[in-house]
Amino acid sequence: MEGRGATRIMIGVNESTIRGYPHASISSRGAFEWVLNKIVRSNTSGFDLLFLHVQVPDEDGFDDMDSIYASPEDFKSIKHRDKLRGLHLLEYFVNRCHEVGVACQAWIKKGDPKEVICHEVKRVQPDLLVLGCRGLGPFQRVFVGTVSEFCQKHAECPVVTIKRSAEETPQDPVDD
């Protein structure tokens, strides 16, 4: 399925932190749509999109860590309980890729997002890493730390960070 010589773009995705909103974060969706609109455009066969979701380890009981999802059918057999633990997030991105006809893979790892993303970049060797970022000011960053800043310094490939647009920023900018 992957075209020979396809440009491999890894996109770090996470869930929204907005209460009662079990979907992709605003930043993740923004980064993904940016990749589709600005890089892939109509050249869908020239790219392979790699979606990585890092779960922070306090979420217990998730045992599907090393599965790779590449088509909408891959999500059909998943238990409801597991679907609520980040897989619906991967399903969203895989379904969108299939709608537009671009090859993709998606997987989940556990750990500190900064470390895991850099480790996966080293392992998978994508051509580019794309991360959404909340565009927080320096005062807010002190408290949340930014994954994107860490990855720009340490990832072994070029890193592009996509800020949320002003109209997409929630009332509390720390939310996403």
C-alpha atoms as a PDB file:
ATOM      1  CA  MET A   1       0.000   0.000   0.000  1.00  0.00           C
ATOM      2  CA  GLU A   2       2.837   2.383   0.771  1.00  0.00           C
ATOM      3  CA  GLY A   3       4.186   3.833  -2.461  1.00  0.00           C
ATOM      4  CA  ARG A   4       7.915   3.414  -3.008  1.00  0.00           C
ATOM      5  CA  GLY A   5       9.599   6.652  -2.134  1.00  0.00           C
ATOM      6  CA  ALA A   6       6.524   8.029  -0.390  1.00  0.00           C
ATOM      7  CA  THR A   7       7.286  10.932   1.932  1.00  0.00           C
ATOM      8  CA  ARG A   8       6.650   9.730   5.472  1.00  0.00           C
ATOM      9  CA  ILE A   9       5.157  12.328   7.800  1.00  0.00           C
ATOM     10  CA  MET A  10       4.699  11.494  11.472  1.00  0.00           C
ATOM     11  CA  ILE A  11       1.974  13.444  13.271  1.00  0.00           C
ATOM     12  CA  GLY A  12       1.748  13.391  17.051  1.00  0.00           C
ATOM     13  CA  VAL A  13      -1.924  13.365  18.052  1.00  0.00           C
ATOM     14  CA  ASN A  14      -3.653  13.634  21.396  1.00  0.00           C
ATOM     15  CA  GLU A  15      -7.105  13.848  22.876  1.00  0.00           C
ATOM     16  CA  SER A  16      -8.860  17.041  23.755  1.00  0.00           C
ATOM     17  CA  THR A  17      -8.544  18.137  27.359  1.00  0.00           C
ATOM     18  CA  ILE A  18     -11.900  19.898  27.238  1.00  0.00           C
ATOM     19  CA  ARG A  19     -14.217  18.161  29.706  1.00  0.00           C
ATOM     20  CA  GLY A  20     -16.787  15.879  28.113  1.00  0.00           C
ATOM     21  CA  TYR A  21     -15.161  16.155  24.693  1.00  0.00           C
ATOM     22  CA  PRO A  22     -13.712  12.740  23.795  1.00  0.00           C
ATOM     23  CA  HIS A  23     -12.188  13.746  20.481  1.00  0.00           C
ATOM     24  CA  ALA A  24      -8.931  14.780  18.895  1.00  0.00           C
ATOM     25  CA  SER A  25      -7.486  17.951  20.377  1.00  0.00           C
ATOM     26  CA  ILE A  26      -7.865  21.201  18.482  1.00  0.00           C
ATOM     27  CA  SER A  27      -4.091  21.258  17.909  1.00  0.00           C
ATOM     28  CA  SER A  28      -3.991  17.673  16.594  1.00  0.00           C
ATOM     29  CA  ARG A  29      -6.819  18.271  14.152  1.00  0.00           C
ATOM     30  CA  GLY A  30      -5.241  21.549  13.063  1.00  0.00           C
ATOM     31  CA  ALA A  31      -1.859  19.935  12.447  1.00  0.00           C
ATOM     32  CA  PHE A  32      -3.446  17.088  10.475  1.00  0.00           C
ATOM     33  CA  GLU A  33      -5.589  19.406   8.326  1.00  0.00           C
ATOM     34  CA  TRP A  34      -2.514  21.590   7.696  1.00  0.00           C
ATOM     35  CA  VAL A  35      -0.589  18.538   6.448  1.00  0.00           C
ATOM     36  CA  LEU A  36      -3.479  17.578   4.138  1.00  0.00           C
ATOM     37  CA  ASN A  37      -4.038  21.100   2.783  1.00  0.00           C
ATOM     38  CA  LYS A  38      -0.483  22.411   2.544  1.00  0.00           C
ATOM     39  CA  ILE A  39       1.693  19.360   1.933  1.00  0.00           C
ATOM     40  CA  VAL A  40      -0.347  16.426   0.592  1.00  0.00           C
ATOM     41  CA  ARG A  41      -2.841  18.488  -1.460  1.00  0.00           C
ATOM     42  CA  SER A  42      -3.852  16.329  -4.429  1.00  0.00           C
ATOM     43  CA  ASN A  43      -0.701  14.174  -4.367  1.00  0.00           C
ATOM     44  CA  THR A  44      -2.230  11.549  -2.072  1.00  0.00           C
ATOM     45  CA  SER A  45      -0.090   8.696  -3.424  1.00  0.00           C
ATOM     46  CA  GLY A  46       3.125  10.542  -2.582  1.00  0.00           C
ATOM     47  CA  PHE A  47       2.670  10.389   1.177  1.00  0.00           C
ATOM     48  CA  ASP A  48       2.398   7.965   4.063  1.00  0.00           C
ATOM     49  CA  LEU A  49       1.001   9.584   7.226  1.00  0.00           C
ATOM     50  CA  LEU A  50       2.074   8.082  10.544  1.00  0.00           C
ATOM     51  CA  PHE A  51      -0.103   8.914  13.547  1.00  0.00           C
ATOM     52  CA  LEU A  52       1.364   8.451  16.999  1.00  0.00           C
ATOM     53  CA  HIS A  53      -0.728   8.843  20.135  1.00  0.00           C
ATOM     54  CA  VAL A  54       1.123   8.689  23.443  1.00  0.00           C
ATOM     55  CA  GLN A  55      -0.921   7.676  26.459  1.00  0.00           C
ATOM     56  CA  VAL A  56       0.290   8.839  29.822  1.00  0.00           C
ATOM     57  CA  PRO A  57       0.704   5.631  31.901  1.00  0.00           C
ATOM     58  CA  ASP A  58      -1.884   6.371  34.600  1.00  0.00           C
ATOM     59  CA  GLU A  59      -4.608   5.129  32.254  1.00  0.00           C
ATOM     60  CA  ASP A  60      -4.750   1.494  33.325  1.00  0.00           C
ATOM     61  CA  GLY A  61      -5.966  -1.610  31.563  1.00  0.00           C
ATOM     62  CA  PHE A  62      -5.172  -0.723  27.979  1.00  0.00           C
ATOM     63  CA  ASP A  63      -3.534  -3.721  26.361  1.00  0.00           C
ATOM     64  CA  ASP A  64      -3.464  -2.956  22.653  1.00  0.00           C
ATOM     65  CA  MET A  65      -0.167  -1.067  22.690  1.00  0.00           C
ATOM     66  CA  ASP A  66       1.592  -2.572  19.714  1.00  0.00           C
ATOM     67  CA  SER A  67      -1.232  -2.862  17.215  1.00  0.00           C
ATOM     68  CA  ILE A  68      -1.033  -0.820  14.039  1.00  0.00           C
ATOM     69  CA  TYR A  69      -4.186   0.526  12.411  1.00  0.00           C
ATOM     70  CA  ALA A  70      -4.186   1.322   8.716  1.00  0.00           C
ATOM     71  CA  SER A  71      -7.789   1.099   7.535  1.00  0.00           C
ATOM     72  CA  PRO A  72     -11.282   1.745   8.911  1.00  0.00           C
ATOM     73  CA  GLU A  73     -11.895  -2.037   9.111  1.00  0.00           C
ATOM     74  CA  ASP A  74      -9.100  -2.372  11.662  1.00  0.00           C
ATOM     75  CA  PHE A  75     -11.312  -0.653  14.264  1.00  0.00           C
ATOM     76  CA  LYS A  76     -14.398  -2.851  13.846  1.00  0.00           C
ATOM     77  CA  SER A  77     -13.409  -5.572  16.322  1.00  0.00           C
ATOM     78  CA  ILE A  78     -12.309  -3.313  19.152  1.00  0.00           C
ATOM     79  CA  LYS A  79     -14.106  -3.643  22.444  1.00  0.00           C
ATOM     80  CA  HIS A  80     -16.156  -0.643  23.503  1.00  0.00           C
ATOM     81  CA  ARG A  81     -14.018  -0.153  26.619  1.00  0.00           C
ATOM     82  CA  ASP A  82     -10.821   0.122  24.601  1.00  0.00           C
ATOM     83  CA  LYS A  83     -12.458   2.329  22.003  1.00  0.00           C
ATOM     84  CA  LEU A  84     -12.882   4.969  24.687  1.00  0.00           C
ATOM     85  CA  ARG A  85      -9.168   4.854  25.552  1.00  0.00           C
ATOM     86  CA  GLY A  86      -7.616   6.653  22.628  1.00  0.00           C
ATOM     87  CA  LEU A  87      -8.517   4.339  19.780  1.00  0.00           C
ATOM     88  CA  HIS A  88     -11.439   6.518  18.705  1.00  0.00           C
ATOM     89  CA  LEU A  89      -8.775   9.192  18.302  1.00  0.00           C
ATOM     90  CA  LEU A  90      -6.743   7.038  15.896  1.00  0.00           C
ATOM     91  CA  GLU A  91      -9.938   5.950  14.164  1.00  0.00           C
ATOM     92  CA  TYR A  92     -10.788   9.586  13.383  1.00  0.00           C
ATOM     93  CA  PHE A  93      -7.452  10.181  11.625  1.00  0.00           C
ATOM     94  CA  VAL A  94      -7.388   6.814   9.809  1.00  0.00           C
ATOM     95  CA  ASN A  95     -10.958   7.355   8.541  1.00  0.00           C
ATOM     96  CA  ARG A  96     -10.069  10.866   7.292  1.00  0.00           C
ATOM     97  CA  CYS A  97      -7.012   9.485   5.462  1.00  0.00           C
ATOM     98  CA  HIS A  98      -9.149   6.854   3.772  1.00  0.00           C
ATOM     99  CA  GLU A  99     -11.707   9.495   2.755  1.00  0.00           C
ATOM    100  CA  VAL A 100      -9.015  11.437   0.903  1.00  0.00           C
ATOM    101  CA  GLY A 101      -7.057   8.372  -0.252  1.00  0.00           C
ATOM    102  CA  VAL A 102      -3.737   8.845   1.540  1.00  0.00           C
ATOM    103  CA  ALA A 103      -1.889   5.844   3.047  1.00  0.00           C
ATOM    104  CA  CYS A 104      -1.539   5.878   6.811  1.00  0.00           C
ATOM    105  CA  GLN A 105      -0.610   3.933   9.912  1.00  0.00           C
ATOM    106  CA  ALA A 106      -1.564   4.758  13.475  1.00  0.00           C
ATOM    107  CA  TRP A 107      -0.419   3.382  16.786  1.00  0.00           C
ATOM    108  CA  ILE A 108      -0.378   4.046  20.518  1.00  0.00           C
ATOM    109  CA  LYS A 109       2.583   4.051  22.881  1.00  0.00           C
ATOM    110  CA  LYS A 110       2.674   4.609  26.611  1.00  0.00           C
ATOM    111  CA  GLY A 111       4.926   7.031  28.462  1.00  0.00           C
ATOM    112  CA  ASP A 112       6.071  10.629  28.613  1.00  0.00           C
ATOM    113  CA  PRO A 113       4.966  12.159  25.283  1.00  0.00           C
ATOM    114  CA  LYS A 114       8.217  14.120  24.795  1.00  0.00           C
ATOM    115  CA  GLU A 115      10.434  11.074  25.258  1.00  0.00           C
ATOM    116  CA  VAL A 116       8.191   8.647  23.383  1.00  0.00           C
ATOM    117  CA  ILE A 117       7.789  10.878  20.327  1.00  0.00           C
ATOM    118  CA  CYS A 118      11.563  11.332  20.019  1.00  0.00           C
ATOM    119  CA  HIS A 119      12.111   7.592  20.518  1.00  0.00           C
ATOM    120  CA  GLU A 120       9.533   6.737  17.837  1.00  0.00           C
ATOM    121  CA  VAL A 121      11.104   9.243  15.424  1.00  0.00           C
ATOM    122  CA  LYS A 122      14.442   7.475  15.914  1.00  0.00           C
ATOM    123  CA  ARG A 123      12.804   4.054  15.421  1.00  0.00           C
ATOM    124  CA  VAL A 124      10.538   4.864  12.449  1.00  0.00           C
ATOM    125  CA  GLN A 125      12.708   7.539  10.767  1.00  0.00           C
ATOM    126  CA  PRO A 126      10.004   9.704   9.210  1.00  0.00           C
ATOM    127  CA  ASP A 127      10.976  12.482   6.788  1.00  0.00           C
ATOM    128  CA  LEU A 128       9.133  15.060   8.889  1.00  0.00           C
ATOM    129  CA  LEU A 129       7.465  15.320  12.314  1.00  0.00           C
ATOM    130  CA  VAL A 130       4.404  17.562  12.584  1.00  0.00           C
ATOM    131  CA  LEU A 131       3.014  18.572  15.972  1.00  0.00           C
ATOM    132  CA  GLY A 132       0.133  20.806  16.893  1.00  0.00           C
ATOM    133  CA  CYS A 133       0.839  23.308  19.615  1.00  0.00           C
ATOM    134  CA  ARG A 134      -1.410  25.461  21.706  1.00  0.00           C
ATOM    135  CA  GLY A 135       0.584  28.639  21.140  1.00  0.00           C
ATOM    136  CA  LEU A 136       0.745  29.376  24.868  1.00  0.00           C
ATOM    137  CA  GLY A 137       2.546  32.424  26.160  1.00  0.00           C
ATOM    138  CA  PRO A 138       5.741  32.069  28.213  1.00  0.00           C
ATOM    139  CA  PHE A 139       3.868  32.296  31.530  1.00  0.00           C
ATOM    140  CA  GLN A 140       1.490  29.428  30.676  1.00  0.00           C
ATOM    141  CA  ARG A 141       4.333  27.345  29.227  1.00  0.00           C
ATOM    142  CA  VAL A 142       6.128  27.336  32.581  1.00  0.00           C
ATOM    143  CA  PHE A 143       3.310  25.235  34.000  1.00  0.00           C
ATOM    144  CA  VAL A 144       2.484  22.899  31.142  1.00  0.00           C
ATOM    145  CA  GLY A 145       5.892  22.489  29.469  1.00  0.00           C
ATOM    146  CA  THR A 146       5.701  21.971  25.766  1.00  0.00           C
ATOM    147  CA  VAL A 147       6.181  18.729  23.943  1.00  0.00           C
ATOM    148  CA  SER A 148       6.767  20.602  20.692  1.00  0.00           C
ATOM    149  CA  GLU A 149       9.698  22.635  22.066  1.00  0.00           C
ATOM    150  CA  PHE A 150      11.360  19.476  23.387  1.00  0.00           C
ATOM    151  CA  CYS A 151      10.865  17.619  20.110  1.00  0.00           C
ATOM    152  CA  GLN A 152      12.236  20.516  18.057  1.00  0.00           C
ATOM    153  CA  LYS A 153      15.462  20.261  20.044  1.00  0.00           C
ATOM    154  CA  HIS A 154      15.767  16.466  20.268  1.00  0.00           C
ATOM    155  CA  ALA A 155      13.919  14.732  17.394  1.00  0.00           C
ATOM    156  CA  GLU A 156      16.175  13.291  14.696  1.00  0.00           C
ATOM    157  CA  CYS A 157      14.223  14.774  11.786  1.00  0.00           C
ATOM    158  CA  PRO A 158      12.835  18.175  10.793  1.00  0.00           C
ATOM    159  CA  VAL A 159       9.951  19.280  13.059  1.00  0.00           C
ATOM    160  CA  VAL A 160       7.088  21.576  12.085  1.00  0.00           C
ATOM    161  CA  THR A 161       4.759  22.918  14.770  1.00  0.00           C
ATOM    162  CA  ILE A 162       1.327  24.218  13.844  1.00  0.00           C
ATOM    163  CA  LYS A 163      -0.282  26.767  16.162  1.00  0.00           C
ATOM    164  CA  ARG A 164      -4.022  26.854  16.684  1.00  0.00           C
ATOM    165  CA  SER A 165      -5.818  29.666  14.920  1.00  0.00           C
ATOM    166  CA  ALA A 166      -7.148  32.429  17.162  1.00  0.00           C
ATOM    167  CA  GLU A 167     -10.772  31.507  16.462  1.00  0.00           C
ATOM    168  CA  GLU A 168     -10.153  27.913  17.551  1.00  0.00           C
ATOM    169  CA  THR A 169      -8.592  28.803  20.891  1.00  0.00           C
ATOM    170  CA  PRO A 170     -10.915  27.870  23.771  1.00  0.00           C
ATOM    171  CA  GLN A 171     -11.703  30.294  26.595  1.00  0.00           C
ATOM    172  CA  ASP A 172      -8.922  28.797  28.686  1.00  0.00           C
ATOM    173  CA  PRO A 173      -5.963  28.539  26.289  1.00  0.00           C
ATOM    174  CA  VAL A 174      -4.452  25.716  28.368  1.00  0.00           C
ATOM    175  CA  ASP A 175      -7.435  23.601  27.221  1.00  0.00           C
ATOM    176  CA  ASP A 176      -7.108  21.896  23.884  1.00  0.00           C
END
